[in-house]
Protein backbone atom coordinates (compact mmCIF):
# COMPACT_ATOMS: atom_id res chain seq x y z
CA MET A 1 -1.14 12.06 39.49
CA VAL A 2 -0.24 14.08 36.37
CA TYR A 3 2.28 11.35 35.44
CA MET A 4 -0.41 8.64 35.58
CA THR A 5 -2.73 10.76 33.41
CA LEU A 6 0.02 11.19 30.81
CA VAL A 7 0.83 7.47 30.86
CA ASN A 8 -2.83 6.53 30.51
CA SER A 9 -3.33 9.07 27.70
CA HIS A 10 -0.24 7.73 25.94
CA GLU A 11 -1.45 4.13 26.28
CA ALA A 12 -4.91 5.10 25.04
CA LEU A 13 -3.37 6.83 22.01
CA ILE A 14 -1.28 3.74 21.18
CA ILE A 15 -4.31 1.46 21.51
CA ALA A 16 -6.39 3.78 19.30
CA LEU A 17 -3.67 3.90 16.65
CA MET A 18 -3.31 0.13 16.66
CA ALA A 19 -7.07 -0.30 16.31
CA THR A 20 -7.26 2.00 13.29
CA ARG A 21 -4.27 0.44 11.58
CA LYS A 22 -5.17 -1.20 8.29
CA LYS A 23 -4.95 -4.95 8.11
CA THR A 24 -2.81 -6.41 5.39
CA SER A 25 -4.93 -6.84 2.29
CA GLY A 26 -5.57 -10.32 1.06
CA LEU A 27 -5.40 -11.34 -2.58
CA ARG A 28 -9.15 -10.86 -3.01
CA ASP A 29 -8.93 -7.32 -1.61
CA ILE A 30 -6.02 -6.45 -3.89
CA LEU A 31 -7.88 -7.79 -6.92
CA ALA A 32 -11.07 -5.95 -5.90
CA ARG A 33 -9.27 -2.63 -5.49
CA ASN A 34 -7.27 -2.97 -8.72
CA LEU A 35 -10.25 -4.11 -10.78
CA LYS A 36 -12.28 -1.13 -9.62
CA GLU A 37 -9.41 1.34 -10.12
CA ASN A 38 -8.65 0.06 -13.62
CA ARG A 39 -12.34 0.02 -14.53
CA LYS A 40 -12.69 3.65 -13.44
CA LYS A 41 -9.47 4.61 -15.24
CA CYS A 42 -11.02 3.23 -18.43
CA ARG A 43 -14.22 5.15 -17.61
CA LEU A 44 -16.26 1.97 -17.69
CA SER A 45 -19.30 1.21 -15.61
CA GLN A 46 -19.63 -2.23 -14.10
CA ALA A 47 -22.24 -2.99 -16.76
CA LYS A 48 -19.96 -1.90 -19.61
CA LEU A 49 -17.03 -3.93 -18.27
CA ALA A 50 -19.31 -6.92 -17.82
CA GLU A 51 -20.46 -6.58 -21.42
CA LYS A 52 -16.87 -6.34 -22.71
CA ALA A 53 -15.80 -9.39 -20.68
CA ASN A 54 -19.01 -11.30 -21.50
CA ILE A 55 -20.04 -11.80 -17.85
CA THR A 56 -22.77 -10.43 -15.61
CA THR A 57 -22.74 -7.07 -13.89
CA GLN A 58 -23.50 -8.83 -10.60
CA TYR A 59 -20.34 -10.93 -10.96
CA ILE A 60 -18.23 -7.78 -11.47
CA ALA A 61 -19.85 -6.23 -8.40
CA MET A 62 -19.14 -9.34 -6.31
CA ILE A 63 -15.46 -9.31 -7.35
CA GLU A 64 -15.19 -5.60 -6.51
CA VAL A 65 -16.42 -6.23 -2.96
CA SER A 66 -14.16 -9.28 -2.49
CA ARG A 67 -17.06 -11.77 -2.40
CA LYS A 68 -16.03 -13.72 -5.49
CA PHE A 69 -12.68 -14.73 -6.91
CA PRO A 70 -12.54 -15.33 -10.65
CA THR A 71 -10.94 -18.29 -12.43
CA PRO A 72 -7.68 -17.72 -14.32
CA GLU A 73 -9.62 -17.66 -17.59
CA MET A 74 -12.00 -15.04 -16.20
CA LEU A 75 -9.04 -12.95 -14.98
CA ASP A 76 -7.63 -13.01 -18.51
CA ARG A 77 -10.99 -11.88 -19.93
CA LEU A 78 -11.24 -9.04 -17.41
CA ALA A 79 -7.69 -7.89 -18.10
CA LYS A 80 -8.29 -7.99 -21.85
CA ALA A 81 -11.50 -5.96 -21.41
CA LEU A 82 -9.51 -3.40 -19.39
CA ASP A 83 -6.65 -3.44 -21.92
CA ILE A 84 -4.07 -4.41 -19.28
CA GLU A 85 -1.94 -7.46 -18.53
CA THR A 86 -3.50 -9.98 -16.14
CA TYR A 87 -0.71 -9.58 -13.56
CA GLN A 88 -1.61 -5.91 -13.22
CA LEU A 89 -4.80 -6.93 -11.44
CA PHE A 90 -2.62 -8.12 -8.55
CA MET A 91 -0.01 -5.37 -8.32
CA VAL A 92 0.34 -3.88 -4.87
CA LYS A 93 0.91 -0.17 -4.94
CA PRO A 94 3.14 1.26 -2.24
CA GLY A 95 1.25 3.13 0.45
CA PRO A 96 2.18 6.17 2.55
CA GLU A 97 3.69 3.88 5.20
CA ASP A 98 6.17 2.57 2.62
CA ALA A 99 7.18 6.09 1.66
CA MET A 100 7.72 7.02 5.31
CA THR A 101 9.83 3.92 5.90
CA GLN A 102 11.94 4.69 2.84
CA LEU A 103 12.35 8.32 3.96
CA HIS A 104 13.36 7.19 7.46
CA ASP A 105 15.94 4.76 6.07
CA THR A 106 17.38 7.40 3.75
CA LEU A 107 17.60 10.00 6.52
CA ALA A 108 19.21 7.51 8.91
CA ALA A 109 21.81 6.52 6.29
CA ASN A 110 22.59 10.16 5.46
CA LEU A 111 22.80 11.10 9.14
CA GLU A 112 25.19 8.22 9.81
CA LYS A 113 27.36 9.34 6.87
CA VAL A 114 27.48 12.96 8.09
CA VAL A 115 28.33 11.91 11.66
CA THR A 116 31.04 9.52 10.45
CA GLN A 117 32.60 12.25 8.31
CA ALA A 118 32.49 14.75 11.19
CA VAL A 119 34.13 12.26 13.58
CA GLU A 120 36.82 11.40 11.04
CA LYS A 121 37.48 15.10 10.44
CA SER A 122 37.69 15.74 14.18
CA ILE A 123 40.08 12.81 14.71
CA THR A 124 42.26 13.95 11.81
CA ALA A 125 42.40 17.50 13.19
CA THR A 126 43.25 16.20 16.69
CA CYS A 127 46.01 13.90 15.40
CA LYS A 128 47.68 16.75 13.49
CA ARG A 129 48.19 18.73 16.68
């Protein structure tokens, strides 16, 4: 009975974690996030950015909530208004999951190296006897 409770709790935890996992961002979401971050970095309101890019505030708002996707020309105007390169509006910044994966890979490689060295040392010591 206790075993079944633990199994069910474990399954429930896995299901909950999977449900809260972020979906991969689409291009619109990446643009929306980066536009907003860069706008805030420049300490610009949506209205001020719209003025600098010669577009409407509503259009900026729609881009920032992933409802609209600008033309290449509009992307260039937005980037210029933010004093960045256009490609920077689409850069994906590594998240915490990426850092954990990198840490895991580094630890696994270091652990393998240490174990290999210990085994080689042990074999060498045994062969000398």
